[in-house]
C-alpha cells in the first residue's frame, strides 16, 4: 500500500533525462571528424533536422486524417457555426 518515496537522485535523473540526451549529442558533436577534421556536429545536425521535419509532417498528416484528434473547443465551434447556418 505505502510505496517507498523515490530518492532525490532518481527524481533528478528522471527530470533531467531529455537534457542529458541533448548534452550527450552536443558533446559527441564536438569530436573531430576522422575524414575532414571538422566537428561531427556539422555532419549530423542537418540529418537530425531532416528527421525532425519528417516526424513533424507525419504527425500533422495523422492529426488531419483523424477527426477525433481535433480539440473539443474547435469541434464545438464548428458545430455551432453549422447549426447557425442551417437555421438561418
N, C-alpha and C. Protein backbone atom coordinates (compact mmCIF):
# COMPACT_ATOMS: atom_id res chain seq x y z
N UNK A 1 0.82 -1.18 0.00
CA UNK A 1 0.00 0.00 0.00
C UNK A 1 0.87 1.26 0.00
N UNK A 2 1.75 1.35 0.98
CA UNK A 2 2.64 2.50 1.04
C UNK A 2 3.83 2.25 0.13
N UNK A 3 3.96 3.07 -0.88
CA UNK A 3 5.07 2.92 -1.80
C UNK A 3 6.25 3.74 -1.26
N UNK A 4 7.46 3.21 -1.40
CA UNK A 4 8.61 3.97 -0.92
C UNK A 4 8.80 5.23 -1.77
N UNK A 5 9.21 6.28 -1.10
CA UNK A 5 9.42 7.55 -1.78
C UNK A 5 10.68 7.44 -2.64
N UNK A 6 10.59 7.84 -3.92
CA UNK A 6 11.79 7.76 -4.76
C UNK A 6 12.87 8.70 -4.25
N UNK A 7 14.10 8.29 -4.42
CA UNK A 7 15.21 9.09 -3.93
C UNK A 7 15.37 10.37 -4.74
N UNK A 8 16.08 11.31 -4.17
CA UNK A 8 16.31 12.58 -4.86
C UNK A 8 17.03 12.36 -6.18
N UNK A 9 18.02 11.47 -6.17
CA UNK A 9 18.79 11.21 -7.38
C UNK A 9 17.92 10.63 -8.48
N UNK A 10 17.04 9.70 -8.17
CA UNK A 10 16.19 9.11 -9.20
C UNK A 10 15.20 10.13 -9.76
N UNK A 11 14.67 11.01 -8.90
CA UNK A 11 13.78 12.07 -9.39
C UNK A 11 14.53 13.06 -10.28
N UNK A 12 15.75 13.41 -9.85
CA UNK A 12 16.57 14.33 -10.63
C UNK A 12 16.90 13.73 -11.99
N UNK A 13 17.27 12.46 -12.01
CA UNK A 13 17.61 11.78 -13.25
C UNK A 13 16.42 11.71 -14.19
N UNK A 14 15.25 11.45 -13.64
CA UNK A 14 14.04 11.35 -14.45
C UNK A 14 13.70 12.71 -15.08
N UNK A 15 13.84 13.78 -14.30
CA UNK A 15 13.53 15.11 -14.81
C UNK A 15 14.56 15.62 -15.80
N UNK A 16 15.81 15.24 -15.64
CA UNK A 16 16.87 15.78 -16.48
C UNK A 16 17.24 14.88 -17.65
N UNK A 17 16.52 13.79 -17.85
CA UNK A 17 16.88 12.85 -18.91
C UNK A 17 16.90 13.50 -20.30
N UNK A 18 15.91 14.30 -20.69
CA UNK A 18 16.00 14.93 -22.02
C UNK A 18 17.22 15.83 -22.16
N UNK A 19 17.55 16.57 -21.10
CA UNK A 19 18.70 17.46 -21.16
C UNK A 19 20.00 16.68 -21.24
N UNK A 20 20.05 15.53 -20.58
CA UNK A 20 21.26 14.71 -20.65
C UNK A 20 21.46 14.17 -22.07
N UNK A 21 20.37 13.84 -22.74
CA UNK A 21 20.47 13.39 -24.13
C UNK A 21 21.00 14.49 -25.04
N UNK A 22 20.49 15.70 -24.85
CA UNK A 22 20.96 16.84 -25.66
C UNK A 22 22.44 17.11 -25.37
N UNK A 23 22.80 17.08 -24.11
CA UNK A 23 24.20 17.32 -23.75
C UNK A 23 25.10 16.24 -24.35
N UNK A 24 24.64 15.00 -24.37
CA UNK A 24 25.43 13.93 -24.98
C UNK A 24 25.61 14.12 -26.47
N UNK A 25 24.54 14.56 -27.16
CA UNK A 25 24.66 14.82 -28.59
C UNK A 25 25.62 15.96 -28.89
N UNK A 26 25.52 17.02 -28.10
CA UNK A 26 26.42 18.15 -28.31
C UNK A 26 27.86 17.73 -28.02
N UNK A 27 28.04 16.98 -26.95
CA UNK A 27 29.39 16.51 -26.62
C UNK A 27 29.97 15.63 -27.71
N UNK A 28 29.16 14.72 -28.23
CA UNK A 28 29.65 13.87 -29.32
C UNK A 28 29.88 14.69 -30.59
N UNK A 29 29.10 15.74 -30.76
CA UNK A 29 29.24 16.59 -31.93
C UNK A 29 30.51 17.41 -31.93
N UNK A 30 31.12 17.59 -30.77
CA UNK A 30 32.36 18.36 -30.69
C UNK A 30 33.59 17.54 -31.05
N UNK A 31 33.42 16.23 -31.16
CA UNK A 31 34.55 15.39 -31.57
C UNK A 31 34.89 15.68 -33.03
N UNK A 32 36.17 15.59 -33.41
CA UNK A 32 36.52 15.88 -34.80
C UNK A 32 36.17 14.73 -35.73
N UNK A 33 35.80 15.08 -36.94
CA UNK A 33 35.50 14.08 -37.98
C UNK A 33 36.81 13.43 -38.42
N UNK A 34 36.84 12.10 -38.53
CA UNK A 34 38.10 11.45 -38.93
C UNK A 34 38.51 11.77 -40.37
N UNK A 35 37.56 12.14 -41.22
CA UNK A 35 37.89 12.39 -42.63
C UNK A 35 38.33 13.83 -42.88
N UNK A 36 37.57 14.79 -42.33
CA UNK A 36 37.86 16.18 -42.69
C UNK A 36 38.34 17.03 -41.51
N UNK A 37 38.20 16.55 -40.30
CA UNK A 37 38.66 17.29 -39.14
C UNK A 37 37.66 18.29 -38.59
N UNK A 38 36.56 18.49 -39.29
CA UNK A 38 35.51 19.41 -38.80
C UNK A 38 34.76 18.73 -37.67
N UNK A 39 34.12 19.52 -36.80
CA UNK A 39 33.32 18.88 -35.74
C UNK A 39 32.21 18.02 -36.34
N UNK A 40 31.97 16.89 -35.72
CA UNK A 40 30.91 15.99 -36.20
C UNK A 40 29.54 16.66 -36.16
N UNK A 41 29.43 17.68 -35.33
CA UNK A 41 28.19 18.44 -35.22
C UNK A 41 27.74 18.95 -36.58
N UNK A 42 28.68 19.37 -37.41
CA UNK A 42 28.36 19.88 -38.73
C UNK A 42 27.80 18.79 -39.64
N UNK A 43 28.12 17.53 -39.33
CA UNK A 43 27.67 16.44 -40.19
C UNK A 43 26.31 15.88 -39.78
N UNK A 44 26.05 15.74 -38.48
CA UNK A 44 24.81 15.06 -38.12
C UNK A 44 23.66 15.97 -37.75
N UNK A 45 23.88 17.27 -37.54
CA UNK A 45 22.72 18.13 -37.25
C UNK A 45 21.82 18.32 -38.46
N UNK A 46 22.33 18.44 -39.68
CA UNK A 46 21.41 18.52 -40.83
C UNK A 46 20.56 17.26 -40.96
N UNK A 47 21.14 16.11 -40.67
CA UNK A 47 20.37 14.86 -40.74
C UNK A 47 19.31 14.86 -39.64
N UNK A 48 19.66 15.31 -38.46
CA UNK A 48 18.69 15.37 -37.36
C UNK A 48 17.56 16.34 -37.70
N UNK A 49 17.88 17.45 -38.34
CA UNK A 49 16.85 18.41 -38.72
C UNK A 49 15.89 17.81 -39.75
N UNK A 50 16.41 17.07 -40.71
CA UNK A 50 15.56 16.42 -41.71
C UNK A 50 14.65 15.38 -41.05
N UNK A 51 15.20 14.60 -40.13
CA UNK A 51 14.39 13.59 -39.44
C UNK A 51 13.31 14.23 -38.57
N UNK A 52 13.64 15.34 -37.90
CA UNK A 52 12.65 16.04 -37.08
C UNK A 52 11.55 16.62 -37.95
N UNK A 53 11.91 17.19 -39.09
CA UNK A 53 10.91 17.74 -40.00
C UNK A 53 10.00 16.64 -40.53
N UNK A 54 10.59 15.48 -40.85
CA UNK A 54 9.79 14.35 -41.32
C UNK A 54 8.80 13.90 -40.25
N UNK A 55 9.25 13.87 -39.00
CA UNK A 55 8.38 13.48 -37.90
C UNK A 55 7.24 14.47 -37.72
N UNK A 56 7.53 15.76 -37.83
CA UNK A 56 6.50 16.79 -37.68
C UNK A 56 5.46 16.65 -38.79
N UNK A 57 5.91 16.42 -40.02
CA UNK A 57 4.98 16.28 -41.15
C UNK A 57 4.10 15.05 -40.96
N UNK A 58 4.67 13.94 -40.52
CA UNK A 58 3.88 12.73 -40.29
C UNK A 58 2.83 12.93 -39.21
N UNK A 59 3.19 13.61 -38.12
CA UNK A 59 2.23 13.87 -37.06
C UNK A 59 1.11 14.78 -37.55
N UNK A 60 1.45 15.77 -38.36
CA UNK A 60 0.44 16.68 -38.89
C UNK A 60 -0.53 15.94 -39.80
N UNK A 61 -0.01 15.04 -40.65
CA UNK A 61 -0.88 14.24 -41.53
C UNK A 61 -1.80 13.35 -40.70
N UNK A 62 -1.25 12.77 -39.64
CA UNK A 62 -2.04 11.89 -38.81
C UNK A 62 -3.15 12.65 -38.11
N UNK A 63 -2.86 13.86 -37.63
CA UNK A 63 -3.89 14.67 -36.98
C UNK A 63 -4.98 15.08 -37.96
N UNK A 64 -4.60 15.38 -39.20
CA UNK A 64 -5.59 15.78 -40.20
C UNK A 64 -6.48 14.62 -40.60
N UNK A 65 -5.94 13.42 -40.65
CA UNK A 65 -6.72 12.27 -41.07
C UNK A 65 -7.60 11.72 -39.95
N UNK A 66 -7.31 12.07 -38.71
CA UNK A 66 -8.07 11.57 -37.57
C UNK A 66 -8.95 12.69 -37.01
N UNK A 67 -10.25 12.68 -37.30
CA UNK A 67 -11.11 13.77 -36.82
C UNK A 67 -11.26 13.79 -35.31
N UNK A 68 -11.01 12.68 -34.65
CA UNK A 68 -11.14 12.65 -33.20
C UNK A 68 -10.00 13.37 -32.50
N UNK A 69 -8.93 13.67 -33.25
CA UNK A 69 -7.79 14.36 -32.66
C UNK A 69 -8.01 15.86 -32.56
N UNK A 70 -9.12 16.37 -33.14
CA UNK A 70 -9.41 17.80 -33.09
C UNK A 70 -9.86 18.15 -31.67
N UNK A 71 -9.33 19.21 -31.09
CA UNK A 71 -9.74 19.60 -29.73
C UNK A 71 -11.24 19.88 -29.66
N UNK A 72 -11.82 19.62 -28.51
CA UNK A 72 -13.27 19.77 -28.33
C UNK A 72 -13.74 21.19 -28.58
N UNK A 73 -12.98 22.18 -28.17
CA UNK A 73 -13.39 23.56 -28.34
C UNK A 73 -13.54 23.91 -29.82
N UNK A 74 -12.63 23.40 -30.64
CA UNK A 74 -12.71 23.65 -32.08
C UNK A 74 -13.92 22.95 -32.66
N UNK A 75 -14.15 21.70 -32.25
CA UNK A 75 -15.31 20.96 -32.74
C UNK A 75 -16.60 21.64 -32.33
N UNK A 76 -16.71 22.09 -31.08
CA UNK A 76 -17.92 22.77 -30.62
C UNK A 76 -18.18 24.02 -31.43
N UNK A 77 -17.12 24.76 -31.75
CA UNK A 77 -17.28 25.98 -32.56
C UNK A 77 -17.76 25.64 -33.96
N UNK A 78 -17.23 24.59 -34.55
CA UNK A 78 -17.66 24.18 -35.89
C UNK A 78 -19.11 23.72 -35.88
N UNK A 79 -19.50 22.99 -34.85
CA UNK A 79 -20.90 22.52 -34.74
C UNK A 79 -21.82 23.72 -34.58
N UNK A 80 -21.43 24.67 -33.77
CA UNK A 80 -22.25 25.86 -33.55
C UNK A 80 -22.42 26.64 -34.85
N UNK A 81 -21.36 26.82 -35.60
CA UNK A 81 -21.43 27.53 -36.89
C UNK A 81 -22.35 26.78 -37.86
N UNK A 82 -22.25 25.47 -37.88
CA UNK A 82 -23.09 24.66 -38.76
C UNK A 82 -24.57 24.81 -38.39
N UNK A 83 -24.87 24.80 -37.08
CA UNK A 83 -26.25 24.95 -36.64
C UNK A 83 -26.80 26.33 -37.00
N UNK A 84 -25.98 27.36 -36.86
CA UNK A 84 -26.42 28.71 -37.22
C UNK A 84 -26.69 28.83 -38.71
N UNK A 85 -25.85 28.20 -39.52
CA UNK A 85 -26.05 28.25 -40.97
C UNK A 85 -27.30 27.49 -41.38
N UNK A 86 -27.55 26.35 -40.77
CA UNK A 86 -28.71 25.55 -41.17
C UNK A 86 -30.03 26.17 -40.67
N UNK A 87 -29.98 26.92 -39.56
CA UNK A 87 -31.19 27.54 -39.03
C UNK A 87 -31.50 28.87 -39.70
N UNK A 88 -30.50 29.55 -40.15
CA UNK A 88 -30.76 30.91 -40.55
C UNK A 88 -30.48 31.27 -41.90
